[in-house]
Amino acid sequence: MKDNSKKNKRPIIEFEGKKYIFSVRSIILFAIGVPVSAYLIYLFFDLELNFWLHEIVVKQTVFFLNLFFDMGASTGYTHVGKYYWEFIVPERPPIGFETFCTGVQAICVFAGIIIFTPHSHDSATNEDIIWRKAKALIVSSVIFYVVNII
C-alpha cells in the first residue's frame, strides 16, 4: 500500500495516451539547475580565452551585411578596452562587439532547459532520452546561431 500511495504523489502528465511520471526532486533540480547552469555556461563563454567566438561571429555578420546590403562594412580588432572586436561601417562610429552579441545567452538558456528537463520514470516514455536531448540541443543551438548571424 505504501508504494502505491507514494507513486500517486508523484507529478504525472498525460499526453497522447502516454504517462510521464516525475519526482518532486527532479522538478526542484530543474528549477535550480536551469538558471545556474545557464549563467555558468555564459560566464565560460565570456572568458577572454573564448573570444575566438567573437571573431567568427563578427566576420560572418560583416560578410552577410556586405552580401545583402553592400555596406562596405569591415572588422576591427584592438586588444584594448572592453570590446576587442568591432564592426566598422563607413561614415559611422565603430560598433563594439561583446559576448552577448553572439547569441550564446539564448543557447545557454535552452541548454539548461534541455539538460535539466526531468526524465520520466515510465520506461516507455523515457526511451532514447539522451539521444533526443542531444538532438534538441544541436537543433536549437544551430537555429539560434543562424538567426543571430542574419
N, C-alpha and C. Protein backbone atom coordinates (compact mmCIF):
# COMPACT_ATOMS: atom_id res chain seq x y z
N MET A 1 0.80 -1.21 0.00
CA MET A 1 0.00 0.00 0.00
C MET A 1 0.85 1.27 0.00
N LYS A 2 1.95 1.26 0.74
CA LYS A 2 2.78 2.46 0.83
C LYS A 2 3.40 2.81 -0.51
N ASP A 3 3.87 1.79 -1.24
CA ASP A 3 4.48 2.05 -2.54
C ASP A 3 3.47 2.68 -3.50
N ASN A 4 2.23 2.18 -3.49
CA ASN A 4 1.20 2.68 -4.38
C ASN A 4 0.84 4.13 -4.04
N SER A 5 0.74 4.45 -2.75
CA SER A 5 0.40 5.82 -2.38
C SER A 5 1.56 6.77 -2.68
N LYS A 6 2.78 6.26 -2.59
CA LYS A 6 3.94 7.09 -2.90
C LYS A 6 3.97 7.42 -4.40
N LYS A 7 3.64 6.44 -5.24
CA LYS A 7 3.61 6.68 -6.68
C LYS A 7 2.54 7.70 -7.05
N ASN A 8 1.42 7.69 -6.35
CA ASN A 8 0.33 8.61 -6.66
C ASN A 8 0.68 10.05 -6.30
N LYS A 9 1.66 10.26 -5.42
CA LYS A 9 2.05 11.61 -5.03
C LYS A 9 2.99 12.25 -6.06
N ARG A 10 3.55 11.46 -6.93
CA ARG A 10 4.44 12.00 -7.95
C ARG A 10 3.65 12.75 -9.00
N PRO A 11 4.21 13.85 -9.49
CA PRO A 11 3.54 14.58 -10.58
C PRO A 11 3.48 13.71 -11.85
N ILE A 12 2.29 13.65 -12.43
CA ILE A 12 2.08 12.84 -13.64
C ILE A 12 1.44 13.74 -14.70
N ILE A 13 2.00 13.67 -15.89
CA ILE A 13 1.44 14.39 -17.03
C ILE A 13 1.05 13.35 -18.07
N GLU A 14 -0.19 13.41 -18.54
CA GLU A 14 -0.63 12.50 -19.60
C GLU A 14 -0.71 13.29 -20.90
N PHE A 15 -0.06 12.75 -21.94
CA PHE A 15 -0.04 13.42 -23.23
C PHE A 15 -0.03 12.35 -24.31
N GLU A 16 -0.97 12.43 -25.24
CA GLU A 16 -1.11 11.49 -26.35
C GLU A 16 -1.12 10.04 -25.86
N GLY A 17 -1.85 9.81 -24.79
CA GLY A 17 -2.01 8.45 -24.27
C GLY A 17 -0.81 7.90 -23.51
N LYS A 18 0.20 8.71 -23.30
CA LYS A 18 1.38 8.27 -22.56
C LYS A 18 1.43 9.01 -21.23
N LYS A 19 1.94 8.31 -20.21
CA LYS A 19 2.08 8.92 -18.89
C LYS A 19 3.54 9.28 -18.65
N TYR A 20 3.75 10.52 -18.25
CA TYR A 20 5.07 10.99 -17.88
C TYR A 20 5.07 11.20 -16.37
N ILE A 21 5.85 10.38 -15.68
CA ILE A 21 5.87 10.39 -14.22
C ILE A 21 7.20 10.99 -13.75
N PHE A 22 7.11 11.99 -12.90
CA PHE A 22 8.30 12.70 -12.42
C PHE A 22 8.39 12.63 -10.90
N SER A 23 9.56 12.91 -10.38
CA SER A 23 9.72 13.04 -8.94
C SER A 23 9.76 14.53 -8.61
N VAL A 24 9.36 14.87 -7.41
CA VAL A 24 9.39 16.26 -6.97
C VAL A 24 10.84 16.76 -6.96
N ARG A 25 11.76 15.88 -6.57
CA ARG A 25 13.18 16.24 -6.53
C ARG A 25 13.67 16.67 -7.92
N SER A 26 13.26 15.96 -8.97
CA SER A 26 13.72 16.32 -10.32
C SER A 26 13.16 17.67 -10.76
N ILE A 27 11.97 18.00 -10.32
CA ILE A 27 11.38 19.30 -10.67
C ILE A 27 12.10 20.43 -9.93
N ILE A 28 12.46 20.19 -8.67
CA ILE A 28 13.23 21.19 -7.91
C ILE A 28 14.61 21.36 -8.54
N LEU A 29 15.23 20.26 -8.93
CA LEU A 29 16.53 20.32 -9.60
C LEU A 29 16.43 21.11 -10.90
N PHE A 30 15.34 20.95 -11.63
CA PHE A 30 15.10 21.71 -12.85
C PHE A 30 15.03 23.21 -12.55
N ALA A 31 14.26 23.57 -11.52
CA ALA A 31 14.07 24.98 -11.18
C ALA A 31 15.37 25.65 -10.76
N ILE A 32 16.25 24.91 -10.12
CA ILE A 32 17.52 25.48 -9.67
C ILE A 32 18.60 25.32 -10.74
N GLY A 33 18.63 24.17 -11.39
CA GLY A 33 19.69 23.84 -12.33
C GLY A 33 19.69 24.67 -13.60
N VAL A 34 18.52 25.01 -14.11
CA VAL A 34 18.44 25.75 -15.38
C VAL A 34 19.10 27.13 -15.26
N PRO A 35 18.69 27.97 -14.32
CA PRO A 35 19.33 29.30 -14.28
C PRO A 35 20.80 29.25 -13.88
N VAL A 36 21.15 28.36 -12.96
CA VAL A 36 22.54 28.28 -12.52
C VAL A 36 23.44 27.80 -13.66
N SER A 37 23.01 26.74 -14.36
CA SER A 37 23.84 26.22 -15.46
C SER A 37 23.91 27.22 -16.62
N ALA A 38 22.81 27.88 -16.92
CA ALA A 38 22.82 28.88 -18.00
C ALA A 38 23.81 30.00 -17.67
N TYR A 39 23.80 30.45 -16.43
CA TYR A 39 24.71 31.52 -16.02
C TYR A 39 26.16 31.06 -16.08
N LEU A 40 26.44 29.85 -15.59
CA LEU A 40 27.81 29.35 -15.59
C LEU A 40 28.34 29.11 -17.01
N ILE A 41 27.49 28.59 -17.88
CA ILE A 41 27.90 28.38 -19.28
C ILE A 41 28.19 29.73 -19.93
N TYR A 42 27.34 30.72 -19.66
CA TYR A 42 27.57 32.06 -20.22
C TYR A 42 28.89 32.64 -19.72
N LEU A 43 29.15 32.49 -18.42
CA LEU A 43 30.41 33.00 -17.86
C LEU A 43 31.62 32.34 -18.52
N PHE A 44 31.49 31.06 -18.83
CA PHE A 44 32.57 30.36 -19.51
C PHE A 44 32.85 30.99 -20.88
N PHE A 45 31.80 31.26 -21.64
CA PHE A 45 31.99 31.85 -22.96
C PHE A 45 32.38 33.33 -22.89
N ASP A 46 32.21 33.95 -21.74
CA ASP A 46 32.60 35.35 -21.57
C ASP A 46 34.07 35.50 -21.18
N LEU A 47 34.75 34.39 -20.95
CA LEU A 47 36.18 34.44 -20.64
C LEU A 47 36.96 34.86 -21.88
N GLU A 48 38.06 35.55 -21.67
CA GLU A 48 38.85 36.05 -22.79
C GLU A 48 39.37 34.93 -23.68
N LEU A 49 39.60 33.76 -23.12
CA LEU A 49 40.11 32.65 -23.94
C LEU A 49 39.08 32.17 -24.97
N ASN A 50 37.84 32.57 -24.82
CA ASN A 50 36.80 32.18 -25.77
C ASN A 50 36.41 33.31 -26.72
N PHE A 51 37.22 34.35 -26.81
CA PHE A 51 36.91 35.45 -27.71
C PHE A 51 37.09 35.08 -29.18
N TRP A 52 37.59 33.89 -29.45
CA TRP A 52 37.64 33.40 -30.83
C TRP A 52 36.22 33.34 -31.40
N LEU A 53 35.25 33.09 -30.52
CA LEU A 53 33.86 33.05 -30.95
C LEU A 53 33.42 34.44 -31.44
N HIS A 54 33.90 35.48 -30.80
CA HIS A 54 33.59 36.84 -31.24
C HIS A 54 34.09 37.06 -32.66
N GLU A 55 35.32 36.64 -32.92
CA GLU A 55 35.89 36.82 -34.25
C GLU A 55 35.04 36.14 -35.32
N ILE A 56 34.65 34.91 -35.06
CA ILE A 56 33.84 34.17 -36.04
C ILE A 56 32.53 34.88 -36.31
N VAL A 57 31.83 35.28 -35.25
CA VAL A 57 30.52 35.92 -35.41
C VAL A 57 30.65 37.28 -36.09
N VAL A 58 31.64 38.07 -35.70
CA VAL A 58 31.83 39.39 -36.31
C VAL A 58 32.12 39.25 -37.80
N LYS A 59 33.01 38.36 -38.16
CA LYS A 59 33.38 38.21 -39.57
C LYS A 59 32.23 37.66 -40.41
N GLN A 60 31.47 36.73 -39.86
CA GLN A 60 30.33 36.21 -40.61
C GLN A 60 29.23 37.26 -40.75
N THR A 61 29.00 38.04 -39.71
CA THR A 61 28.00 39.09 -39.78
C THR A 61 28.39 40.15 -40.80
N VAL A 62 29.65 40.55 -40.81
CA VAL A 62 30.14 41.53 -41.79
C VAL A 62 29.99 40.97 -43.21
N PHE A 63 30.29 39.69 -43.38
CA PHE A 63 30.13 39.07 -44.70
C PHE A 63 28.69 39.20 -45.19
N PHE A 64 27.72 38.88 -44.32
CA PHE A 64 26.32 38.95 -44.73
C PHE A 64 25.83 40.39 -44.88
N LEU A 65 26.34 41.31 -44.06
CA LEU A 65 25.98 42.73 -44.25
C LEU A 65 26.43 43.22 -45.62
N ASN A 66 27.63 42.85 -46.01
CA ASN A 66 28.14 43.27 -47.32
C ASN A 66 27.46 42.52 -48.46
N LEU A 67 27.12 41.27 -48.24
CA LEU A 67 26.46 40.47 -49.27
C LEU A 67 25.05 40.99 -49.56
N PHE A 68 24.27 41.23 -48.51
CA PHE A 68 22.87 41.62 -48.69
C PHE A 68 22.67 43.12 -48.87
N PHE A 69 23.49 43.94 -48.23
CA PHE A 69 23.25 45.38 -48.23
C PHE A 69 24.38 46.20 -48.83
N ASP A 70 25.47 45.57 -49.24
CA ASP A 70 26.62 46.25 -49.84
C ASP A 70 27.02 47.49 -49.03
N MET A 71 27.25 47.28 -47.73
CA MET A 71 27.52 48.38 -46.80
C MET A 71 28.98 48.79 -46.75
N GLY A 72 29.87 47.96 -47.26
CA GLY A 72 31.29 48.25 -47.15
C GLY A 72 31.79 48.07 -45.72
N ALA A 73 31.11 47.26 -44.96
CA ALA A 73 31.48 47.03 -43.56
C ALA A 73 32.75 46.20 -43.48
N SER A 74 33.48 46.38 -42.39
CA SER A 74 34.69 45.60 -42.14
C SER A 74 34.79 45.33 -40.64
N THR A 75 35.80 44.57 -40.28
CA THR A 75 36.01 44.25 -38.87
C THR A 75 37.26 44.95 -38.38
N GLY A 76 37.30 45.17 -37.08
CA GLY A 76 38.48 45.74 -36.47
C GLY A 76 38.78 45.00 -35.18
N TYR A 77 40.06 44.92 -34.85
CA TYR A 77 40.47 44.25 -33.61
C TYR A 77 41.47 45.12 -32.87
N THR A 78 41.18 45.39 -31.62
CA THR A 78 42.12 46.09 -30.74
C THR A 78 42.11 45.38 -29.40
N HIS A 79 43.27 45.10 -28.90
CA HIS A 79 43.38 44.39 -27.62
C HIS A 79 43.38 45.40 -26.47
N VAL A 80 42.50 46.39 -26.58
CA VAL A 80 42.40 47.45 -25.58
C VAL A 80 40.93 47.63 -25.22
N GLY A 81 40.64 47.86 -23.96
CA GLY A 81 39.28 48.15 -23.55
C GLY A 81 38.45 46.89 -23.36
N LYS A 82 37.15 47.11 -23.31
CA LYS A 82 36.21 46.02 -23.04
C LYS A 82 35.87 45.21 -24.29
N TYR A 83 35.78 45.87 -25.42
CA TYR A 83 35.39 45.21 -26.66
C TYR A 83 36.59 45.12 -27.58
N TYR A 84 37.06 43.91 -27.83
CA TYR A 84 38.22 43.72 -28.69
C TYR A 84 37.83 43.78 -30.17
N TRP A 85 36.72 43.15 -30.50
CA TRP A 85 36.27 43.11 -31.89
C TRP A 85 35.21 44.18 -32.11
N GLU A 86 35.20 44.73 -33.31
CA GLU A 86 34.21 45.75 -33.62
C GLU A 86 33.83 45.71 -35.10
N PHE A 87 32.62 46.18 -35.36
CA PHE A 87 32.14 46.38 -36.73
C PHE A 87 32.53 47.79 -37.14
N ILE A 88 33.03 47.91 -38.35
CA ILE A 88 33.35 49.24 -38.87
C ILE A 88 32.51 49.46 -40.12
N VAL A 89 31.59 50.40 -40.03
CA VAL A 89 30.74 50.76 -41.15
C VAL A 89 31.17 52.16 -41.58
N PRO A 90 31.44 52.37 -42.87
CA PRO A 90 31.90 53.68 -43.33
C PRO A 90 30.97 54.82 -42.88
N GLU A 91 31.59 55.92 -42.47
CA GLU A 91 30.90 57.14 -42.06
C GLU A 91 30.08 56.97 -40.78
N ARG A 92 30.39 55.99 -39.98
CA ARG A 92 29.73 55.77 -38.69
C ARG A 92 30.78 55.37 -37.66
N PRO A 93 30.50 55.64 -36.39
CA PRO A 93 31.46 55.20 -35.37
C PRO A 93 31.48 53.67 -35.28
N PRO A 94 32.61 53.08 -34.88
CA PRO A 94 32.67 51.62 -34.77
C PRO A 94 31.70 51.09 -33.71
N ILE A 95 31.22 49.89 -33.94
CA ILE A 95 30.28 49.25 -33.02
C ILE A 95 31.03 48.13 -32.30
N GLY A 96 31.18 48.27 -30.99
CA GLY A 96 31.87 47.25 -30.19
C GLY A 96 31.08 45.96 -30.12
N PHE A 97 31.79 44.87 -30.02
CA PHE A 97 31.18 43.54 -30.02
C PHE A 97 31.52 42.84 -28.71
N GLU A 98 30.50 42.28 -28.05
CA GLU A 98 30.72 41.56 -26.80
C GLU A 98 30.07 40.19 -26.87
N THR A 99 30.28 39.40 -25.84
CA THR A 99 29.76 38.03 -25.82
C THR A 99 28.25 38.00 -25.99
N PHE A 100 27.56 38.96 -25.44
CA PHE A 100 26.10 38.99 -25.55
C PHE A 100 25.65 39.07 -27.00
N CYS A 101 26.47 39.63 -27.87
CA CYS A 101 26.14 39.77 -29.29
C CYS A 101 26.23 38.45 -30.06
N THR A 102 26.82 37.43 -29.47
CA THR A 102 26.98 36.16 -30.17
C THR A 102 25.71 35.32 -30.15
N GLY A 103 24.77 35.65 -29.29
CA GLY A 103 23.57 34.83 -29.15
C GLY A 103 23.77 33.65 -28.23
N VAL A 104 24.96 33.57 -27.62
CA VAL A 104 25.27 32.43 -26.76
C VAL A 104 24.37 32.40 -25.52
N GLN A 105 23.85 33.56 -25.10
CA GLN A 105 22.99 33.58 -23.92
C GLN A 105 21.70 32.79 -24.17
N ALA A 106 21.14 32.89 -25.36
CA ALA A 106 19.93 32.13 -25.68
C ALA A 106 20.25 30.64 -25.75
N ILE A 107 21.39 30.31 -26.32
CA ILE A 107 21.81 28.91 -26.38
C ILE A 107 22.03 28.37 -24.97
N CYS A 108 22.59 29.18 -24.07
CA CYS A 108 22.82 28.76 -22.69
C CYS A 108 21.51 28.46 -21.97
N VAL A 109 20.52 29.32 -22.15
CA VAL A 109 19.23 29.10 -21.50
C VAL A 109 18.59 27.82 -22.02
N PHE A 110 18.58 27.63 -23.33
CA PHE A 110 18.00 26.42 -23.88
C PHE A 110 18.79 25.18 -23.49
N ALA A 111 20.10 25.29 -23.41
CA ALA A 111 20.91 24.15 -22.96
C ALA A 111 20.53 23.76 -21.54
N GLY A 112 20.37 24.75 -20.67
CA GLY A 112 19.95 24.46 -19.30
C GLY A 112 18.59 23.80 -19.25
N ILE A 113 17.66 24.31 -20.04
CA ILE A 113 16.31 23.73 -20.07
C ILE A 113 16.35 22.30 -20.59
N ILE A 114 17.06 22.07 -21.69
CA ILE A 114 17.11 20.74 -22.29
C ILE A 114 17.81 19.75 -21.37
N ILE A 115 18.93 20.15 -20.79
CA ILE A 115 19.69 19.24 -19.93
C ILE A 115 18.93 18.91 -18.65
N PHE A 116 18.30 19.90 -18.03
CA PHE A 116 17.66 19.69 -16.74
C PHE A 116 16.18 19.34 -16.81
N THR A 117 15.62 19.20 -18.00
CA THR A 117 14.24 18.74 -18.09
C THR A 117 14.16 17.35 -17.49
N PRO A 118 13.26 17.15 -16.52
CA PRO A 118 13.22 15.85 -15.83
C PRO A 118 12.91 14.69 -16.77
N HIS A 119 13.51 13.56 -16.47
CA HIS A 119 13.21 12.33 -17.20
C HIS A 119 12.00 11.68 -16.57
N SER A 120 11.16 11.11 -17.37
CA SER A 120 10.00 10.38 -16.86
C SER A 120 10.47 9.08 -16.21
N HIS A 121 9.76 8.68 -15.17
CA HIS A 121 10.07 7.40 -14.52
C HIS A 121 9.39 6.23 -15.23
N ASP A 122 8.62 6.52 -16.25
CA ASP A 122 7.98 5.48 -17.06
C ASP A 122 8.94 5.09 -18.18
N SER A 123 9.29 3.83 -18.25
CA SER A 123 10.30 3.37 -19.22
C SER A 123 9.84 3.56 -20.67
N ALA A 124 8.54 3.52 -20.92
CA ALA A 124 8.05 3.67 -22.29
C ALA A 124 8.28 5.09 -22.82
N THR A 125 8.16 6.08 -21.97
CA THR A 125 8.35 7.46 -22.41
C THR A 125 9.78 7.95 -22.21
N ASN A 126 10.59 7.16 -21.54
CA ASN A 126 11.98 7.54 -21.26
C ASN A 126 12.94 6.96 -22.29
N GLU A 127 12.42 6.28 -23.29
CA GLU A 127 13.25 5.61 -24.28
C GLU A 127 14.05 6.63 -25.11
N ASP A 128 15.33 6.38 -25.29
CA ASP A 128 16.23 7.23 -26.09
C ASP A 128 16.27 8.68 -25.62
N ILE A 129 16.14 8.92 -24.33
CA ILE A 129 16.08 10.30 -23.83
C ILE A 129 17.37 11.06 -24.09
N ILE A 130 18.51 10.42 -23.94
CA ILE A 130 19.79 11.11 -24.15
C ILE A 130 19.93 11.54 -25.61
N TRP A 131 19.59 10.65 -26.53
CA TRP A 131 19.67 10.97 -27.95
C TRP A 131 18.69 12.10 -28.31
N ARG A 132 17.48 12.06 -27.76
CA ARG A 132 16.51 13.12 -28.04
C ARG A 132 16.97 14.47 -27.49
N LYS A 133 17.57 14.45 -26.31
CA LYS A 133 18.08 15.70 -25.73
C LYS A 133 19.26 16.22 -26.54
N ALA A 134 20.12 15.34 -26.99
CA ALA A 134 21.27 15.76 -27.80
C ALA A 134 20.79 16.40 -29.10
N LYS A 135 19.80 15.79 -29.76
CA LYS A 135 19.25 16.36 -30.99
C LYS A 135 18.63 17.73 -30.73
N ALA A 136 17.89 17.84 -29.63
CA ALA A 136 17.25 19.12 -29.30
C ALA A 136 18.29 20.20 -29.05
N LEU A 137 19.37 19.83 -28.38
CA LEU A 137 20.44 20.80 -28.09
C LEU A 137 21.13 21.25 -29.38
N ILE A 138 21.41 20.32 -30.26
CA ILE A 138 22.07 20.65 -31.53
C ILE A 138 21.17 21.52 -32.41
N VAL A 139 19.92 21.11 -32.57
CA VAL A 139 19.00 21.85 -33.44
C VAL A 139 18.76 23.26 -32.90
N SER A 140 18.50 23.39 -31.60
CA SER A 140 18.23 24.72 -31.04
C SER A 140 19.47 25.61 -31.13
N SER A 141 20.65 25.05 -30.91
CA SER A 141 21.88 25.85 -30.99
C SER A 141 22.12 26.35 -32.41
N VAL A 142 21.92 25.49 -33.39
CA VAL A 142 22.11 25.88 -34.79
C VAL A 142 21.10 26.97 -35.18
N ILE A 143 19.86 26.81 -34.77
CA ILE A 143 18.84 27.81 -35.10
C ILE A 143 19.19 29.16 -34.49
N PHE A 144 19.55 29.18 -33.21
CA PHE A 144 19.91 30.45 -32.57
C PHE A 144 21.13 31.08 -33.23
N TYR A 145 22.09 30.27 -33.61
CA TYR A 145 23.30 30.81 -34.23
C TYR A 145 22.99 31.43 -35.59
N VAL A 146 22.23 30.73 -36.40
CA VAL A 146 21.88 31.23 -37.73
C VAL A 146 21.05 32.50 -37.63
N VAL A 147 20.06 32.50 -36.74
CA VAL A 147 19.23 33.69 -36.57
C VAL A 147 20.06 34.87 -36.07
N ASN A 148 21.01 34.61 -35.21
CA ASN A 148 21.86 35.68 -34.69
C ASN A 148 22.75 36.27 -35.78
N ILE A 149 23.28 35.44 -36.66
CA ILE A 149 24.14 35.93 -37.74
C ILE A 149 23.34 36.77 -38.73
N ILE A 150 22.15 36.31 -39.04
CA ILE A 150 21.33 37.02 -40.03
C ILE A 150 20.70 38.20 -39.36
